[in-house]
């Protein structure tokens, strides 16, 4: 019996250690993070702080004021000084963000690319090829067709919040695009010589491409809201991206007390049960992908039930707030 208990303890310890390792590995590979909580400062401490040109603070997907930036699609953008940590090296990168746009015009979410020959760099755009979807491109010399790109066709111009991500792994030869916790495209790419960092004196831009090269027109200005931009120095797995999409990973918040909670059944048709290990009062909020609060319940019980019967079928999020932390999980109503 003692041996059995020992094995259970060791298994629990291993699971906890693995969970902490996964969180640490995500944090360790994070080279830039702009949560836009009142400013455009890089919260990683790597010094990639932005200078805001016209963009204004606005509400984020949770309705929090001054927690995202709004861009007018005409002249607004955020610029960062050139930093080698933001270069696309010869291994891999992941870029992810939350965006909300009503416009199907060609627009840039984030770019670090020259708008003059040879157009060296990378860009993460929307609807660049009239595809009404995401585009991620890496360019050595556009004038000689030395570039690779991944393109999706999902229409995101519905003025709703969407989680978007782009990954590049030169060693495995793939580029992937994601939106709303779903893999959109997996593109095999080879042929570049790794010279796309040879001329990276250009600044990184959020909400435009080429403005810092003197392009007042044709700078692909973004129209809408952008929030929670992260750049990682490796390709994140689908599981890691899903955790970021659903809010199950706390970036740079390792000092906070973590809440463990489960939601079941998931998918659900009517009632869901929420179990938490928190011993204090919890505020439970159900909201849709636009950040609209639909159900709110305060409880001090470790187990609570929420009735979803009046909600339409689709994707929703459960947010639990305590005095120490906020955690979010995705649920599906069928």
Protein backbone atom coordinates (compact mmCIF):
# COMPACT_ATOMS: atom_id res chain seq x y z
CA UNK A 1 0.00 0.00 0.00
CA UNK A 2 2.85 2.37 0.88
CA UNK A 3 4.49 1.66 -2.47
CA UNK A 4 1.23 2.40 -4.25
CA UNK A 5 0.89 5.77 -2.47
CA UNK A 6 4.54 6.54 -3.27
CA UNK A 7 3.93 5.88 -6.96
CA UNK A 8 0.87 8.15 -6.93
CA UNK A 9 2.90 10.94 -5.35
CA UNK A 10 5.65 10.52 -7.91
CA UNK A 11 3.15 10.60 -10.78
CA UNK A 12 1.54 13.77 -9.43
CA UNK A 13 4.97 15.36 -8.97
CA UNK A 14 5.94 14.44 -12.54
CA UNK A 15 2.75 15.91 -13.98
CA UNK A 16 3.21 19.14 -12.02
CA UNK A 17 6.87 19.37 -13.05
CA UNK A 18 5.97 18.81 -16.71
CA UNK A 19 3.30 21.51 -16.51
CA UNK A 20 5.76 24.01 -15.02
CA UNK A 21 8.39 23.04 -17.60
CA UNK A 22 5.98 23.63 -20.47
CA UNK A 23 5.07 27.06 -19.08
CA UNK A 24 8.72 27.94 -18.55
CA UNK A 25 9.68 26.84 -22.03
CA UNK A 26 7.05 29.13 -23.53
CA UNK A 27 8.24 32.05 -21.42
CA UNK A 28 11.89 31.29 -22.18
CA UNK A 29 11.28 31.49 -25.94
CA UNK A 30 9.32 34.76 -25.74
CA UNK A 31 11.36 37.61 -27.23
CA UNK A 32 8.64 40.30 -27.34
CA UNK A 33 5.19 40.75 -25.82
CA UNK A 34 2.99 43.83 -26.18
CA UNK A 35 -0.11 43.46 -23.93
CA UNK A 36 -1.02 47.12 -24.67
CA UNK A 37 -2.09 47.74 -21.08
CA UNK A 38 -2.10 51.52 -21.30
CA UNK A 39 1.03 51.74 -23.45
CA UNK A 40 3.12 50.00 -26.13
CA UNK A 41 5.87 48.78 -23.79
CA UNK A 42 7.40 45.33 -24.32
CA UNK A 43 6.60 43.46 -21.08
CA UNK A 44 9.42 40.91 -21.55
CA UNK A 45 12.00 43.49 -20.52
CA UNK A 46 13.89 43.04 -23.82
CA UNK A 47 13.47 46.73 -24.61
CA UNK A 48 11.28 46.40 -27.71
CA UNK A 49 9.13 49.36 -26.68
CA UNK A 50 6.93 50.92 -29.31
CA UNK A 51 6.39 54.53 -30.32
CA UNK A 52 2.71 55.18 -31.05
CA UNK A 53 1.79 57.24 -34.12
CA UNK A 54 -1.90 58.12 -34.02
CA UNK A 55 -3.22 54.78 -32.73
CA UNK A 56 -5.49 55.17 -29.70
CA UNK A 57 -6.06 53.03 -26.64
CA UNK A 58 -9.38 51.20 -26.61
CA UNK A 59 -11.21 48.28 -24.99
CA UNK A 60 -9.84 44.76 -25.39
CA UNK A 61 -11.81 41.56 -26.08
CA UNK A 62 -12.80 41.37 -22.40
CA UNK A 63 -14.16 44.92 -22.36
CA UNK A 64 -11.24 46.28 -20.32
CA UNK A 65 -10.56 49.96 -21.14
CA UNK A 66 -7.14 51.15 -22.36
CA UNK A 67 -6.06 47.56 -23.01
CA UNK A 68 -5.74 47.39 -26.82
CA UNK A 69 -4.90 49.80 -29.65
CA UNK A 70 -7.27 51.04 -32.34
CA UNK A 71 -5.92 51.87 -35.83
CA UNK A 72 -7.78 54.05 -38.33
CA UNK A 73 -6.55 52.32 -41.51
CA UNK A 74 -5.26 55.64 -42.85
CA UNK A 75 -2.13 56.71 -41.00
CA UNK A 76 -2.01 55.03 -37.56
CA UNK A 77 0.81 52.67 -36.64
CA UNK A 78 3.30 51.70 -33.91
CA UNK A 79 7.03 51.68 -34.64
CA UNK A 80 9.94 49.97 -32.88
CA UNK A 81 13.64 50.54 -33.29
CA UNK A 82 15.58 47.83 -35.10
CA UNK A 83 16.57 45.01 -32.75
CA UNK A 84 18.36 41.80 -33.78
CA UNK A 85 16.13 39.83 -31.37
CA UNK A 86 13.22 40.59 -33.66
CA UNK A 87 15.01 39.32 -36.77
CA UNK A 88 13.83 36.12 -38.37
CA UNK A 89 16.87 33.89 -37.88
CA UNK A 90 17.65 30.68 -39.74
CA UNK A 91 15.62 28.45 -37.42
CA UNK A 92 12.05 29.42 -36.56
CA UNK A 93 9.62 32.01 -35.26
CA UNK A 94 6.04 32.30 -34.04
CA UNK A 95 3.98 35.48 -34.20
CA UNK A 96 0.53 35.66 -32.63
CA UNK A 97 -1.99 38.38 -31.81
CA UNK A 98 -5.65 39.21 -31.31
CA UNK A 99 -7.19 41.31 -34.08
CA UNK A 100 -10.60 42.84 -34.80
CA UNK A 101 -11.28 44.44 -38.17
CA UNK A 102 -14.40 45.37 -40.15
CA UNK A 103 -12.36 45.94 -43.29
CA UNK A 104 -11.45 43.49 -46.07
CA UNK A 105 -8.81 45.86 -47.46
CA UNK A 106 -5.18 44.75 -47.66
CA UNK A 107 -3.61 45.56 -44.30
CA UNK A 108 -0.62 44.62 -42.19
CA UNK A 109 -0.79 43.27 -38.66
CA UNK A 110 2.97 43.26 -38.09
CA UNK A 111 6.00 43.61 -40.35
CA UNK A 112 9.77 43.94 -40.31
CA UNK A 113 10.34 44.35 -44.00
CA UNK A 114 11.90 46.91 -46.31
CA UNK A 115 9.53 48.51 -48.83
CA UNK A 116 12.45 49.21 -51.15
CA UNK A 117 14.52 46.76 -53.22
CA UNK A 118 15.28 44.01 -52.28
CA UNK A 119 12.26 44.08 -49.90
CA UNK A 120 14.10 41.92 -47.38
CA UNK A 121 12.22 40.85 -44.24
CA UNK A 122 8.97 39.30 -43.08
CA UNK A 123 5.36 40.37 -42.78
CA UNK A 124 2.11 39.10 -41.26
CA UNK A 125 -0.76 40.59 -43.25
CA UNK A 126 -4.45 40.24 -43.96
CA UNK A 127 -5.94 39.98 -47.47
CA UNK A 128 -2.74 40.89 -49.32
CA UNK A 129 -3.59 38.67 -52.29
CA UNK A 130 -7.35 39.34 -52.31
CA UNK A 131 -7.68 36.02 -50.48
CA UNK A 132 -9.68 37.55 -47.60
CA UNK A 133 -7.43 35.64 -45.23
CA UNK A 134 -4.08 35.72 -43.48
CA UNK A 135 -0.71 35.92 -45.23
CA UNK A 136 2.74 35.27 -43.75
CA UNK A 137 5.71 35.93 -46.01
CA UNK A 138 9.49 35.73 -45.66
CA UNK A 139 11.49 37.58 -48.32
CA UNK A 140 15.15 37.47 -49.39
CA UNK A 141 14.73 39.43 -52.61
CA UNK A 142 11.23 40.06 -53.89
CA UNK A 143 12.50 41.49 -57.20
CA UNK A 144 14.00 38.10 -58.09
CA UNK A 145 11.13 36.02 -56.64
CA UNK A 146 13.20 34.81 -53.71
CA UNK A 147 10.45 34.62 -51.13
CA UNK A 148 8.14 32.10 -49.49
CA UNK A 149 4.64 32.58 -48.14
CA UNK A 150 1.66 30.86 -46.54
CA UNK A 151 -1.87 31.97 -47.45
CA UNK A 152 -5.26 31.17 -45.92
CA UNK A 153 -8.70 32.05 -47.23
CA UNK A 154 -10.82 32.35 -44.06
CA UNK A 155 -12.68 35.66 -43.91
CA UNK A 156 -11.87 37.44 -40.64
CA UNK A 157 -13.21 40.88 -41.61
CA UNK A 158 -16.38 40.59 -39.53
CA UNK A 159 -15.53 43.14 -36.79
CA UNK A 160 -15.16 40.32 -34.26
CA UNK A 161 -12.10 39.42 -32.20
CA UNK A 162 -9.93 36.64 -33.66
CA UNK A 163 -6.79 34.96 -32.37
CA UNK A 164 -4.30 34.72 -35.24
CA UNK A 165 -0.86 33.12 -35.43
CA UNK A 166 1.87 32.45 -37.98
CA UNK A 167 4.80 30.05 -37.58
CA UNK A 168 7.92 29.42 -39.63
CA UNK A 169 10.42 26.57 -39.28
CA UNK A 170 13.19 26.65 -41.86
CA UNK A 171 14.76 23.38 -40.73
CA UNK A 172 11.55 21.41 -41.24
CA UNK A 173 10.55 23.57 -44.20
CA UNK A 174 7.06 24.62 -43.17
CA UNK A 175 4.93 27.70 -42.60
CA UNK A 176 1.61 27.48 -40.77
CA UNK A 177 -1.29 29.84 -40.19
CA UNK A 178 -3.83 29.61 -37.37
CA UNK A 179 -7.01 31.44 -36.43
CA UNK A 180 -9.33 30.92 -33.46
CA UNK A 181 -7.55 27.77 -32.24
CA UNK A 182 -7.70 26.13 -35.66
CA UNK A 183 -4.89 25.25 -38.09
CA UNK A 184 -5.77 26.97 -41.39
CA UNK A 185 -2.89 26.01 -43.63
CA UNK A 186 0.32 23.97 -43.49
CA UNK A 187 2.64 24.94 -46.35
CA UNK A 188 5.88 23.19 -47.28
CA UNK A 189 8.52 25.79 -48.14
CA UNK A 190 12.13 25.47 -49.22
CA UNK A 191 14.53 27.38 -51.40
CA UNK A 192 15.69 30.37 -49.38
CA UNK A 193 19.38 30.71 -48.58
CA UNK A 194 18.88 32.23 -45.14
CA UNK A 195 19.80 35.75 -46.27
CA UNK A 196 16.56 37.34 -45.10
CA UNK A 197 18.42 38.85 -42.13
CA UNK A 198 21.15 40.39 -44.26
CA UNK A 199 19.50 43.84 -44.32
CA UNK A 200 17.39 44.17 -41.21
CA UNK A 201 18.10 47.77 -40.35
CA UNK A 202 14.42 48.50 -40.83
CA UNK A 203 12.14 48.96 -37.85
CA UNK A 204 9.39 46.61 -36.82
CA UNK A 205 5.94 48.08 -37.44
CA UNK A 206 2.59 47.20 -35.90
CA UNK A 207 -0.42 48.14 -37.99
CA UNK A 208 1.54 49.11 -41.13
CA UNK A 209 4.26 48.00 -43.55
CA UNK A 210 6.76 50.38 -45.07
CA UNK A 211 5.80 53.57 -43.25
CA UNK A 212 9.31 53.86 -41.82
CA UNK A 213 10.70 53.56 -45.34
CA UNK A 214 8.92 56.78 -46.25
CA UNK A 215 5.78 55.24 -47.74
CA UNK A 216 2.94 57.61 -46.85
CA UNK A 217 0.59 55.78 -49.20
CA UNK A 218 0.41 52.08 -49.83
CA UNK A 219 1.72 51.32 -46.35
CA UNK A 220 -0.99 48.70 -45.71
CA UNK A 221 -2.36 50.50 -42.65
CA UNK A 222 -4.46 48.30 -40.39
CA UNK A 223 -8.10 49.23 -39.77
CA UNK A 224 -9.44 47.98 -36.44
CA UNK A 225 -8.06 46.80 -33.12
CA UNK A 226 -4.89 44.84 -32.27
CA UNK A 227 -3.97 43.37 -28.90
CA UNK A 228 -1.64 40.93 -27.11
CA UNK A 229 1.07 40.57 -29.77
CA UNK A 230 3.74 37.97 -28.98
CA UNK A 231 6.87 36.91 -30.86
CA UNK A 232 8.59 33.64 -29.96
CA UNK A 233 12.03 32.49 -31.11
CA UNK A 234 10.76 29.03 -32.02
CA UNK A 235 7.80 27.35 -33.63
CA UNK A 236 5.11 26.74 -31.03
CA UNK A 237 3.18 23.48 -31.16
CA UNK A 238 -0.53 23.34 -31.92
CA UNK A 239 -1.18 22.54 -28.25
CA UNK A 240 0.81 25.58 -27.10
CA UNK A 241 -1.02 27.85 -29.55
CA UNK A 242 -4.36 26.47 -28.42
CA UNK A 243 -3.39 27.24 -24.83
CA UNK A 244 -2.58 30.82 -25.81
CA UNK A 245 -5.83 31.05 -27.75
CA UNK A 246 -7.95 29.83 -24.84
CA UNK A 247 -6.00 31.65 -22.16
CA UNK A 248 -4.56 28.57 -20.44
CA UNK A 249 -1.00 29.98 -20.41
CA UNK A 250 0.01 32.92 -18.24
CA UNK A 251 2.80 34.73 -20.09
CA UNK A 252 5.30 36.26 -17.67
CA UNK A 253 2.95 35.74 -14.72
CA UNK A 254 4.76 32.92 -12.98
CA UNK A 255 4.62 34.73 -9.65
CA UNK A 256 0.85 34.45 -9.49
CA UNK A 257 -1.07 31.71 -7.75
CA UNK A 258 -2.42 29.33 -10.38
CA UNK A 259 -6.05 28.21 -10.33
CA UNK A 260 -6.74 24.65 -11.37
CA UNK A 261 -10.25 24.19 -12.68
CA UNK A 262 -12.16 21.87 -14.96
CA UNK A 263 -15.27 22.34 -17.07
CA UNK A 264 -17.45 19.41 -18.11
CA UNK A 265 -19.07 18.18 -20.19
CA UNK A 266 -17.29 19.89 -23.06
CA UNK A 267 -18.85 20.09 -25.63
CA UNK A 268 -22.12 20.71 -23.75
CA UNK A 269 -25.74 21.19 -24.70
CA UNK A 270 -27.28 22.68 -21.57
CA UNK A 271 -25.62 22.53 -18.15
CA UNK A 272 -21.89 22.68 -17.52
CA UNK A 273 -20.19 21.93 -14.22
CA UNK A 274 -17.19 23.98 -13.10
CA UNK A 275 -14.87 22.59 -10.44
CA UNK A 276 -12.06 24.68 -8.97
CA UNK A 277 -9.42 24.28 -6.29
CA UNK A 278 -9.72 27.93 -5.25
CA UNK A 279 -10.75 28.42 -1.62
CA UNK A 280 -11.86 32.02 -2.03
CA UNK A 281 -14.74 33.74 -3.80
CA UNK A 282 -14.76 33.21 -7.56
CA UNK A 283 -16.38 35.32 -10.23
CA UNK A 284 -17.39 33.13 -13.20
CA UNK A 285 -18.06 34.84 -16.52
CA UNK A 286 -19.22 33.24 -19.77
CA UNK A 287 -18.47 35.34 -22.82
CA UNK A 288 -18.41 34.89 -26.58
CA UNK A 289 -15.49 35.27 -28.96
CA UNK A 290 -16.28 39.00 -29.31
CA UNK A 291 -15.70 39.49 -25.58
CA UNK A 292 -19.39 40.10 -24.82
CA UNK A 293 -20.34 39.01 -21.29
CA UNK A 294 -23.33 36.68 -21.45
CA UNK A 295 -23.49 35.07 -18.00
CA UNK A 296 -21.96 36.21 -14.71
CA UNK A 297 -22.04 34.32 -11.42
CA UNK A 298 -20.24 34.83 -8.11
CA UNK A 299 -19.69 31.81 -5.90
CA UNK A 300 -17.55 30.54 -3.06
CA UNK A 301 -18.32 26.90 -3.82
CA UNK A 302 -15.71 24.58 -5.31
CA UNK A 303 -18.37 23.21 -7.68
CA UNK A 304 -20.84 25.31 -9.66
CA UNK A 305 -23.27 24.74 -12.50
CA UNK A 306 -24.02 27.13 -15.36
CA UNK A 307 -27.03 26.86 -17.65
CA UNK A 308 -26.13 27.37 -21.32
CA UNK A 309 -29.53 26.45 -22.75
CA UNK A 310 -30.34 30.02 -23.81
CA UNK A 311 -27.08 30.43 -25.76
CA UNK A 312 -26.73 29.70 -29.45
CA UNK A 313 -24.49 26.84 -30.54
CA UNK A 314 -20.87 27.89 -30.95
CA UNK A 315 -17.59 28.64 -29.17
CA UNK A 316 -17.59 30.40 -25.80
CA UNK A 317 -15.09 31.07 -23.02
CA UNK A 318 -15.31 30.52 -19.27
CA UNK A 319 -13.33 33.06 -17.25
CA UNK A 320 -12.73 32.61 -13.51
CA UNK A 321 -11.46 35.58 -11.52
CA UNK A 322 -10.11 35.60 -7.99
CA UNK A 323 -8.16 38.25 -6.09
CA UNK A 324 -4.94 36.55 -7.27
CA UNK A 325 -5.50 35.39 -10.82
CA UNK A 326 -7.59 35.12 -13.96
CA UNK A 327 -7.87 31.94 -16.02
CA UNK A 328 -9.85 31.17 -19.15
CA UNK A 329 -10.96 28.00 -20.90
CA UNK A 330 -12.76 27.42 -24.17
CA UNK A 331 -16.08 25.56 -24.27
CA UNK A 332 -18.30 24.48 -27.14
CA UNK A 333 -22.12 24.67 -27.01
CA UNK A 334 -23.82 22.11 -29.24
